[in-house]
């Protein structure tokens, strides 16, 4: 999430919109908190939070909400790619020009993102490595019957066109 916020900030946006996932989603809550912490580092940017549900349809509904805002130099971090797909599909129907008016970044590197116009910039991670870490953690918990240690799964940004030509 910090990588997403930093990449949006570098595009000279005026404010952030964070489009969430379900309230009871651990991934959504963790990404949201990490994004808010990253935004605090920049200090001078407003944040608007738009609730959603990690689905394409949820992204479309969020686009309708967002379209009623002043959309000049806005950076949207959709906390997953399915939501971003719905945003990219729906925002132009409200006269929003992507990535001129709104820059969008997602999370998960879903294959759909590479087929959009503009193609979705996203945060990627190794799902294989994530599964491996999860299995190792379960084994640790079975052996020790204590809480297992936290493990870091590295991410990286996949630059495409939804942040603009130069990003």
N, C-alpha and C. Protein backbone atom coordinates (compact mmCIF):
# COMPACT_ATOMS: atom_id res chain seq x y z
N UNK A 1 0.83 -1.20 0.00
CA UNK A 1 0.00 0.00 0.00
C UNK A 1 0.87 1.26 0.00
N UNK A 2 1.96 1.22 0.73
CA UNK A 2 2.87 2.37 0.76
C UNK A 2 3.46 2.63 -0.63
N UNK A 3 3.76 1.56 -1.37
CA UNK A 3 4.26 1.74 -2.74
C UNK A 3 3.21 2.39 -3.62
N UNK A 4 1.97 2.01 -3.47
CA UNK A 4 0.88 2.59 -4.26
C UNK A 4 0.73 4.08 -3.96
N UNK A 5 0.73 4.43 -2.69
CA UNK A 5 0.57 5.83 -2.30
C UNK A 5 1.74 6.66 -2.79
N UNK A 6 2.94 6.15 -2.66
CA UNK A 6 4.12 6.87 -3.13
C UNK A 6 4.06 7.10 -4.64
N UNK A 7 3.65 6.08 -5.38
CA UNK A 7 3.55 6.22 -6.84
C UNK A 7 2.49 7.24 -7.23
N UNK A 8 1.35 7.25 -6.53
CA UNK A 8 0.33 8.26 -6.81
C UNK A 8 0.85 9.65 -6.47
N UNK A 9 1.52 9.79 -5.36
CA UNK A 9 2.04 11.09 -4.93
C UNK A 9 3.01 11.67 -5.97
N UNK A 10 3.82 10.81 -6.54
CA UNK A 10 4.80 11.24 -7.54
C UNK A 10 4.15 11.80 -8.81
N UNK A 11 2.87 11.52 -9.03
CA UNK A 11 2.18 12.03 -10.22
C UNK A 11 1.63 13.44 -10.01
N UNK A 12 1.95 14.06 -8.88
CA UNK A 12 1.55 15.44 -8.58
C UNK A 12 0.04 15.60 -8.38
N UNK A 13 -0.60 14.62 -7.77
CA UNK A 13 -2.03 14.71 -7.50
C UNK A 13 -2.30 15.73 -6.40
N UNK A 14 -3.56 16.19 -6.34
CA UNK A 14 -3.97 17.12 -5.29
C UNK A 14 -4.53 16.41 -4.07
N UNK A 15 -5.21 15.28 -4.27
CA UNK A 15 -5.71 14.52 -3.12
C UNK A 15 -5.88 13.06 -3.47
N UNK A 16 -6.04 12.26 -2.42
CA UNK A 16 -6.17 10.81 -2.54
C UNK A 16 -7.61 10.38 -2.32
N UNK A 17 -8.03 9.36 -3.06
CA UNK A 17 -9.25 8.63 -2.76
C UNK A 17 -8.85 7.18 -2.55
N UNK A 18 -9.25 6.63 -1.42
CA UNK A 18 -9.00 5.22 -1.11
C UNK A 18 -10.31 4.48 -1.23
N UNK A 19 -10.36 3.47 -2.10
CA UNK A 19 -11.57 2.68 -2.29
C UNK A 19 -11.33 1.34 -1.60
N UNK A 20 -12.10 1.10 -0.53
CA UNK A 20 -11.84 -0.02 0.37
C UNK A 20 -12.40 -1.34 -0.14
N UNK A 21 -12.16 -2.34 0.66
CA UNK A 21 -12.80 -3.64 0.50
C UNK A 21 -13.80 -3.82 1.61
N UNK A 22 -14.28 -5.03 1.82
CA UNK A 22 -15.26 -5.28 2.88
C UNK A 22 -14.69 -4.91 4.27
N UNK A 23 -15.57 -4.44 5.15
CA UNK A 23 -15.16 -4.05 6.50
C UNK A 23 -14.51 -5.19 7.27
N UNK A 24 -14.95 -6.42 7.03
CA UNK A 24 -14.44 -7.56 7.77
C UNK A 24 -13.27 -8.26 7.08
N UNK A 25 -12.70 -7.62 6.07
CA UNK A 25 -11.57 -8.20 5.34
C UNK A 25 -10.24 -7.77 5.98
N UNK A 26 -9.46 -8.75 6.42
CA UNK A 26 -8.14 -8.46 6.99
C UNK A 26 -7.26 -7.74 5.97
N UNK A 27 -7.26 -8.22 4.72
CA UNK A 27 -6.44 -7.59 3.68
C UNK A 27 -6.84 -6.14 3.48
N UNK A 28 -8.13 -5.87 3.39
CA UNK A 28 -8.59 -4.50 3.21
C UNK A 28 -8.17 -3.61 4.37
N UNK A 29 -8.36 -4.09 5.59
CA UNK A 29 -8.02 -3.29 6.76
C UNK A 29 -6.52 -3.02 6.85
N UNK A 30 -5.71 -4.02 6.56
CA UNK A 30 -4.25 -3.84 6.60
C UNK A 30 -3.78 -2.87 5.51
N UNK A 31 -4.31 -3.02 4.30
CA UNK A 31 -3.93 -2.13 3.21
C UNK A 31 -4.37 -0.70 3.50
N UNK A 32 -5.58 -0.55 4.05
CA UNK A 32 -6.09 0.78 4.38
C UNK A 32 -5.19 1.45 5.41
N UNK A 33 -4.85 0.74 6.47
CA UNK A 33 -4.01 1.33 7.50
C UNK A 33 -2.63 1.69 6.96
N UNK A 34 -2.06 0.83 6.15
CA UNK A 34 -0.74 1.11 5.55
C UNK A 34 -0.82 2.31 4.62
N UNK A 35 -1.90 2.43 3.86
CA UNK A 35 -2.08 3.58 2.96
C UNK A 35 -2.21 4.87 3.76
N UNK A 36 -3.02 4.86 4.81
CA UNK A 36 -3.19 6.06 5.64
C UNK A 36 -1.87 6.46 6.30
N UNK A 37 -1.10 5.49 6.77
CA UNK A 37 0.21 5.79 7.35
C UNK A 37 1.14 6.41 6.32
N UNK A 38 1.11 5.90 5.10
CA UNK A 38 1.97 6.45 4.04
C UNK A 38 1.55 7.86 3.67
N UNK A 39 0.25 8.12 3.62
CA UNK A 39 -0.24 9.45 3.28
C UNK A 39 0.18 10.47 4.34
N UNK A 40 0.19 10.06 5.60
CA UNK A 40 0.62 10.96 6.68
C UNK A 40 2.03 11.49 6.45
N UNK A 41 2.88 10.68 5.83
CA UNK A 41 4.26 11.09 5.57
C UNK A 41 4.32 12.29 4.63
N UNK A 42 3.32 12.42 3.75
CA UNK A 42 3.30 13.54 2.80
C UNK A 42 2.66 14.77 3.43
N UNK A 43 1.80 14.57 4.41
CA UNK A 43 1.29 15.64 5.25
C UNK A 43 0.35 16.66 4.65
N UNK A 44 0.41 16.91 3.37
CA UNK A 44 -0.35 18.02 2.80
C UNK A 44 -1.47 17.58 1.87
N UNK A 45 -1.83 16.34 1.89
CA UNK A 45 -2.83 15.83 0.95
C UNK A 45 -4.10 15.37 1.68
N UNK A 46 -5.23 15.78 1.16
CA UNK A 46 -6.53 15.35 1.68
C UNK A 46 -6.78 13.91 1.28
N UNK A 47 -7.56 13.19 2.11
CA UNK A 47 -7.91 11.80 1.84
C UNK A 47 -9.42 11.64 1.93
N UNK A 48 -10.00 11.00 0.93
CA UNK A 48 -11.41 10.64 0.93
C UNK A 48 -11.47 9.12 0.88
N UNK A 49 -12.27 8.53 1.76
CA UNK A 49 -12.42 7.07 1.78
C UNK A 49 -13.79 6.72 1.24
N UNK A 50 -13.80 5.84 0.22
CA UNK A 50 -15.04 5.39 -0.40
C UNK A 50 -15.16 3.89 -0.13
N UNK A 51 -16.20 3.48 0.58
CA UNK A 51 -16.35 2.04 0.86
C UNK A 51 -16.74 1.25 -0.38
N UNK A 52 -16.23 0.03 -0.46
CA UNK A 52 -16.56 -0.88 -1.55
C UNK A 52 -16.45 -2.30 -1.03
N UNK A 53 -16.33 -3.28 -1.96
CA UNK A 53 -16.40 -4.67 -1.51
C UNK A 53 -15.49 -5.64 -2.27
N UNK A 54 -14.45 -5.13 -2.92
CA UNK A 54 -13.49 -5.97 -3.66
C UNK A 54 -14.10 -6.65 -4.88
N UNK A 55 -15.15 -6.06 -5.48
CA UNK A 55 -15.72 -6.63 -6.70
C UNK A 55 -15.73 -5.58 -7.80
N UNK A 56 -15.86 -6.05 -9.04
CA UNK A 56 -15.97 -5.13 -10.18
C UNK A 56 -17.21 -4.26 -10.02
N UNK A 57 -18.32 -4.87 -9.64
CA UNK A 57 -19.56 -4.11 -9.44
C UNK A 57 -19.39 -3.09 -8.32
N UNK A 58 -18.67 -3.45 -7.28
CA UNK A 58 -18.39 -2.50 -6.20
C UNK A 58 -17.57 -1.32 -6.71
N UNK A 59 -16.65 -1.58 -7.63
CA UNK A 59 -15.86 -0.50 -8.25
C UNK A 59 -16.74 0.42 -9.09
N UNK A 60 -17.72 -0.17 -9.78
CA UNK A 60 -18.65 0.65 -10.57
C UNK A 60 -19.48 1.55 -9.67
N UNK A 61 -19.96 1.01 -8.56
CA UNK A 61 -20.73 1.81 -7.61
C UNK A 61 -19.86 2.91 -6.99
N UNK A 62 -18.63 2.58 -6.68
CA UNK A 62 -17.71 3.59 -6.14
C UNK A 62 -17.45 4.68 -7.17
N UNK A 63 -17.39 4.32 -8.46
CA UNK A 63 -17.19 5.31 -9.52
C UNK A 63 -18.32 6.32 -9.55
N UNK A 64 -19.54 5.84 -9.32
CA UNK A 64 -20.68 6.76 -9.29
C UNK A 64 -20.53 7.75 -8.14
N UNK A 65 -20.13 7.27 -6.98
CA UNK A 65 -19.90 8.15 -5.83
C UNK A 65 -18.79 9.14 -6.13
N UNK A 66 -17.70 8.64 -6.69
CA UNK A 66 -16.53 9.48 -6.98
C UNK A 66 -16.86 10.52 -8.04
N UNK A 67 -17.70 10.18 -8.99
CA UNK A 67 -18.02 11.10 -10.09
C UNK A 67 -18.70 12.38 -9.60
N UNK A 68 -19.25 12.35 -8.40
CA UNK A 68 -19.92 13.53 -7.83
C UNK A 68 -18.94 14.46 -7.12
N UNK A 69 -17.68 14.07 -7.05
CA UNK A 69 -16.64 14.87 -6.40
C UNK A 69 -15.95 15.75 -7.43
N UNK A 70 -15.20 16.72 -6.96
CA UNK A 70 -14.35 17.51 -7.84
C UNK A 70 -13.17 16.64 -8.25
N UNK A 71 -13.08 16.36 -9.54
CA UNK A 71 -12.07 15.41 -10.00
C UNK A 71 -11.04 16.10 -10.88
N UNK A 72 -10.16 16.79 -10.25
CA UNK A 72 -9.06 17.43 -10.95
C UNK A 72 -7.79 17.03 -10.21
N UNK A 73 -6.96 16.25 -10.85
CA UNK A 73 -5.69 15.82 -10.27
C UNK A 73 -5.90 14.96 -9.02
N UNK A 74 -6.63 13.88 -9.19
CA UNK A 74 -6.97 12.97 -8.10
C UNK A 74 -6.24 11.65 -8.28
N UNK A 75 -5.78 11.08 -7.19
CA UNK A 75 -5.16 9.76 -7.20
C UNK A 75 -6.01 8.77 -6.44
N UNK A 76 -6.43 7.70 -7.11
CA UNK A 76 -7.26 6.68 -6.47
C UNK A 76 -6.44 5.42 -6.25
N UNK A 77 -6.45 4.96 -5.00
CA UNK A 77 -5.88 3.65 -4.69
C UNK A 77 -7.05 2.73 -4.40
N UNK A 78 -7.32 1.82 -5.34
CA UNK A 78 -8.32 0.78 -5.14
C UNK A 78 -7.60 -0.36 -4.44
N UNK A 79 -8.10 -0.80 -3.30
CA UNK A 79 -7.38 -1.76 -2.49
C UNK A 79 -7.32 -3.17 -3.08
N UNK A 80 -7.97 -3.35 -4.24
CA UNK A 80 -7.73 -4.56 -5.03
C UNK A 80 -8.01 -4.26 -6.50
N UNK A 81 -7.55 -5.12 -7.38
CA UNK A 81 -7.68 -4.88 -8.83
C UNK A 81 -9.10 -5.00 -9.34
N UNK A 82 -9.90 -5.89 -8.77
CA UNK A 82 -11.28 -6.01 -9.26
C UNK A 82 -12.02 -4.69 -9.08
N UNK A 83 -11.84 -4.05 -7.95
CA UNK A 83 -12.45 -2.74 -7.72
C UNK A 83 -11.94 -1.74 -8.74
N UNK A 84 -10.63 -1.76 -9.00
CA UNK A 84 -10.04 -0.83 -9.98
C UNK A 84 -10.62 -1.07 -11.37
N UNK A 85 -10.87 -2.32 -11.73
CA UNK A 85 -11.47 -2.64 -13.04
C UNK A 85 -12.83 -1.95 -13.15
N UNK A 86 -13.65 -2.06 -12.11
CA UNK A 86 -14.95 -1.40 -12.12
C UNK A 86 -14.83 0.10 -12.24
N UNK A 87 -13.86 0.68 -11.56
CA UNK A 87 -13.63 2.13 -11.64
C UNK A 87 -13.25 2.56 -13.06
N UNK A 88 -12.30 1.85 -13.64
CA UNK A 88 -11.82 2.20 -14.99
C UNK A 88 -12.92 2.00 -16.02
N UNK A 89 -13.77 1.02 -15.82
CA UNK A 89 -14.88 0.76 -16.73
C UNK A 89 -15.96 1.85 -16.62
N UNK A 90 -16.23 2.30 -15.41
CA UNK A 90 -17.39 3.17 -15.17
C UNK A 90 -17.08 4.67 -15.19
N UNK A 91 -15.93 5.09 -14.70
CA UNK A 91 -15.65 6.53 -14.59
C UNK A 91 -15.80 7.29 -15.91
N UNK A 92 -15.34 6.75 -17.04
CA UNK A 92 -15.51 7.49 -18.30
C UNK A 92 -16.98 7.77 -18.66
N UNK A 93 -17.90 6.95 -18.17
CA UNK A 93 -19.33 7.17 -18.42
C UNK A 93 -19.84 8.45 -17.76
N UNK A 94 -19.06 8.96 -16.81
CA UNK A 94 -19.41 10.21 -16.12
C UNK A 94 -18.56 11.37 -16.63
N UNK A 95 -17.88 11.18 -17.77
CA UNK A 95 -17.07 12.23 -18.35
C UNK A 95 -15.67 12.36 -17.76
N UNK A 96 -15.25 11.39 -16.98
CA UNK A 96 -13.92 11.42 -16.36
C UNK A 96 -12.92 10.85 -17.35
N UNK A 97 -11.87 11.61 -17.62
CA UNK A 97 -10.83 11.18 -18.55
C UNK A 97 -9.67 10.57 -17.78
N UNK A 98 -9.40 9.29 -18.07
CA UNK A 98 -8.31 8.58 -17.41
C UNK A 98 -7.10 8.49 -18.33
N UNK A 99 -5.92 8.73 -17.89
CA UNK A 99 -5.48 9.14 -16.56
C UNK A 99 -5.34 10.66 -16.40
N UNK A 100 -5.92 11.44 -17.31
CA UNK A 100 -5.78 12.90 -17.22
C UNK A 100 -6.39 13.47 -15.94
N UNK A 101 -7.67 13.18 -15.68
CA UNK A 101 -8.36 13.71 -14.51
C UNK A 101 -8.08 12.91 -13.25
N UNK A 102 -8.01 11.61 -13.42
CA UNK A 102 -7.88 10.68 -12.29
C UNK A 102 -6.81 9.65 -12.60
N UNK A 103 -5.92 9.44 -11.67
CA UNK A 103 -4.92 8.38 -11.75
C UNK A 103 -5.41 7.24 -10.86
N UNK A 104 -5.23 6.00 -11.32
CA UNK A 104 -5.71 4.84 -10.55
C UNK A 104 -4.61 3.80 -10.43
N UNK A 105 -4.50 3.24 -9.23
CA UNK A 105 -3.61 2.11 -9.00
C UNK A 105 -4.39 1.06 -8.20
N UNK A 106 -4.13 -0.20 -8.51
CA UNK A 106 -4.79 -1.30 -7.82
C UNK A 106 -3.81 -2.12 -7.02
N UNK A 107 -4.26 -3.30 -6.59
CA UNK A 107 -3.44 -4.19 -5.80
C UNK A 107 -3.83 -5.63 -6.13
N UNK A 108 -2.93 -6.45 -6.51
CA UNK A 108 -3.05 -7.89 -6.76
C UNK A 108 -2.48 -8.32 -8.11
N UNK A 109 -2.31 -7.43 -9.04
CA UNK A 109 -1.83 -7.75 -10.39
C UNK A 109 -2.70 -8.82 -11.05
N UNK A 110 -4.00 -8.60 -11.00
CA UNK A 110 -4.96 -9.47 -11.69
C UNK A 110 -4.75 -9.30 -13.20
N UNK A 111 -4.83 -10.37 -13.95
CA UNK A 111 -4.58 -10.34 -15.39
C UNK A 111 -5.51 -9.36 -16.13
N UNK A 112 -6.72 -9.14 -15.61
CA UNK A 112 -7.66 -8.22 -16.26
C UNK A 112 -7.06 -6.82 -16.42
N UNK A 113 -6.22 -6.41 -15.48
CA UNK A 113 -5.66 -5.06 -15.51
C UNK A 113 -4.86 -4.75 -16.75
N UNK A 114 -4.24 -5.76 -17.34
CA UNK A 114 -3.43 -5.52 -18.54
C UNK A 114 -4.28 -5.38 -19.79
N UNK A 115 -5.58 -5.69 -19.71
CA UNK A 115 -6.47 -5.59 -20.86
C UNK A 115 -7.33 -4.33 -20.86
N UNK A 116 -7.24 -3.55 -19.81
CA UNK A 116 -8.03 -2.32 -19.71
C UNK A 116 -7.42 -1.20 -20.53
N UNK A 117 -8.21 -0.16 -20.75
CA UNK A 117 -7.70 1.07 -21.37
C UNK A 117 -8.05 2.23 -20.46
N UNK A 118 -7.11 2.87 -19.80
CA UNK A 118 -5.68 2.54 -19.81
C UNK A 118 -5.39 1.29 -18.99
N UNK A 119 -4.27 0.66 -19.31
CA UNK A 119 -3.87 -0.52 -18.55
C UNK A 119 -3.61 -0.13 -17.10
N UNK A 120 -3.97 -1.02 -16.18
CA UNK A 120 -3.92 -0.73 -14.76
C UNK A 120 -2.53 -0.90 -14.16
N UNK A 121 -2.04 0.16 -13.55
CA UNK A 121 -0.84 0.07 -12.71
C UNK A 121 -1.27 -0.61 -11.41
N UNK A 122 -0.46 -1.53 -10.91
CA UNK A 122 -0.88 -2.34 -9.77
C UNK A 122 0.30 -2.75 -8.91
N UNK A 123 -0.03 -3.23 -7.73
CA UNK A 123 0.98 -3.79 -6.83
C UNK A 123 0.91 -5.31 -6.97
N UNK A 124 2.07 -5.93 -7.16
CA UNK A 124 2.16 -7.37 -7.38
C UNK A 124 2.93 -8.02 -6.24
N UNK A 125 2.67 -9.29 -6.02
CA UNK A 125 3.41 -10.10 -5.06
C UNK A 125 3.35 -11.54 -5.54
N UNK A 126 4.25 -12.34 -5.05
CA UNK A 126 4.28 -13.74 -5.44
C UNK A 126 3.24 -14.51 -4.63
N UNK A 127 2.20 -14.95 -5.30
CA UNK A 127 1.16 -15.74 -4.63
C UNK A 127 1.73 -17.10 -4.21
N UNK A 128 2.67 -17.60 -4.97
CA UNK A 128 3.34 -18.86 -4.61
C UNK A 128 4.09 -18.69 -3.29
N UNK A 129 4.86 -17.59 -3.19
CA UNK A 129 5.61 -17.33 -1.96
C UNK A 129 4.67 -17.12 -0.78
N UNK A 130 3.57 -16.40 -1.03
CA UNK A 130 2.58 -16.16 0.02
C UNK A 130 2.02 -17.49 0.54
N UNK A 131 1.68 -18.40 -0.35
CA UNK A 131 1.18 -19.71 0.05
C UNK A 131 2.23 -20.51 0.82
N UNK A 132 3.47 -20.41 0.38
CA UNK A 132 4.57 -21.10 1.04
C UNK A 132 4.74 -20.59 2.48
N UNK A 133 4.70 -19.27 2.63
CA UNK A 133 4.82 -18.67 3.96
C UNK A 133 3.65 -19.08 4.84
N UNK A 134 2.44 -19.11 4.28
CA UNK A 134 1.26 -19.51 5.05
C UNK A 134 1.40 -20.96 5.53
N UNK A 135 1.86 -21.85 4.66
CA UNK A 135 2.04 -23.25 5.04
C UNK A 135 3.09 -23.39 6.14
N UNK A 136 4.21 -22.68 6.00
CA UNK A 136 5.27 -22.73 7.02
C UNK A 136 4.74 -22.21 8.37
N UNK A 137 3.93 -21.16 8.31
CA UNK A 137 3.37 -20.59 9.54
C UNK A 137 2.43 -21.58 10.22
N UNK A 138 1.60 -22.24 9.44
CA UNK A 138 0.71 -23.26 10.01
C UNK A 138 1.50 -24.38 10.68
N UNK A 139 2.57 -24.81 10.03
CA UNK A 139 3.41 -25.87 10.63
C UNK A 139 4.04 -25.39 11.93
N UNK A 140 4.50 -24.14 11.96
CA UNK A 140 5.06 -23.58 13.19
C UNK A 140 4.02 -23.58 14.31
N UNK A 141 2.80 -23.20 13.97
CA UNK A 141 1.73 -23.13 14.97
C UNK A 141 1.37 -24.52 15.48
N UNK A 142 1.39 -25.53 14.61
CA UNK A 142 1.09 -26.91 15.02
C UNK A 142 2.17 -27.43 15.96
N UNK A 143 3.42 -27.17 15.63
CA UNK A 143 4.54 -27.66 16.44
C UNK A 143 4.61 -26.95 17.79
N UNK A 144 4.50 -25.63 17.77
CA UNK A 144 4.74 -24.84 18.97
C UNK A 144 3.48 -24.52 19.76
N UNK A 145 2.34 -24.66 19.14
CA UNK A 145 1.06 -24.32 19.76
C UNK A 145 1.04 -22.89 20.30
N UNK A 146 1.97 -22.10 19.86
CA UNK A 146 2.01 -20.67 20.19
C UNK A 146 1.73 -19.89 18.92
N UNK A 147 1.55 -18.62 19.10
CA UNK A 147 1.39 -17.78 17.90
C UNK A 147 2.69 -17.78 17.12
N UNK A 148 2.58 -17.96 15.84
CA UNK A 148 3.76 -17.94 14.98
C UNK A 148 4.18 -16.50 14.70
N UNK A 149 5.40 -16.33 14.31
CA UNK A 149 5.93 -15.00 14.01
C UNK A 149 5.32 -14.48 12.70
N UNK A 150 5.24 -13.16 12.59
CA UNK A 150 4.81 -12.54 11.34
C UNK A 150 5.89 -12.72 10.30
N UNK A 151 5.47 -12.83 9.04
CA UNK A 151 6.41 -12.96 7.93
C UNK A 151 6.07 -11.90 6.90
N UNK A 152 7.08 -11.41 6.24
CA UNK A 152 6.92 -10.38 5.23
C UNK A 152 6.84 -11.00 3.84
N UNK A 153 5.83 -10.61 3.08
CA UNK A 153 5.73 -11.01 1.68
C UNK A 153 6.01 -9.76 0.86
N UNK A 154 7.07 -9.78 0.11
CA UNK A 154 7.50 -8.60 -0.65
C UNK A 154 6.57 -8.31 -1.82
N UNK A 155 6.43 -7.04 -2.11
CA UNK A 155 5.60 -6.58 -3.22
C UNK A 155 6.44 -5.70 -4.13
N UNK A 156 5.94 -5.49 -5.35
CA UNK A 156 6.57 -4.53 -6.26
C UNK A 156 5.49 -3.94 -7.16
N UNK A 157 5.77 -2.78 -7.69
CA UNK A 157 4.80 -2.09 -8.53
C UNK A 157 4.98 -2.52 -9.98
N UNK A 158 3.88 -2.73 -10.66
CA UNK A 158 3.87 -3.02 -12.09
C UNK A 158 3.32 -1.77 -12.77
N UNK A 159 4.21 -1.01 -13.40
CA UNK A 159 3.84 0.26 -14.02
C UNK A 159 3.16 0.01 -15.36
N UNK A 160 1.97 0.59 -15.48
CA UNK A 160 1.25 0.57 -16.75
C UNK A 160 0.76 2.00 -16.98
N UNK A 161 -0.32 2.20 -17.68
CA UNK A 161 -0.70 3.54 -18.11
C UNK A 161 -1.72 4.27 -17.24
N UNK A 162 -2.28 3.63 -16.22
CA UNK A 162 -3.34 4.28 -15.43
C UNK A 162 -2.84 5.39 -14.52
N UNK A 163 -1.52 5.57 -14.45
CA UNK A 163 -0.95 6.71 -13.73
C UNK A 163 -0.45 7.79 -14.68
N UNK A 164 -0.60 7.55 -15.96
CA UNK A 164 -0.12 8.50 -16.96
C UNK A 164 1.03 7.90 -17.76
N UNK A 165 1.42 8.60 -18.79
CA UNK A 165 2.44 8.09 -19.72
C UNK A 165 3.81 7.92 -19.08
N UNK A 166 4.19 8.80 -18.16
CA UNK A 166 5.55 8.78 -17.64
C UNK A 166 5.70 7.98 -16.36
N UNK A 167 4.66 7.26 -15.96
CA UNK A 167 4.73 6.56 -14.67
C UNK A 167 4.58 5.07 -14.83
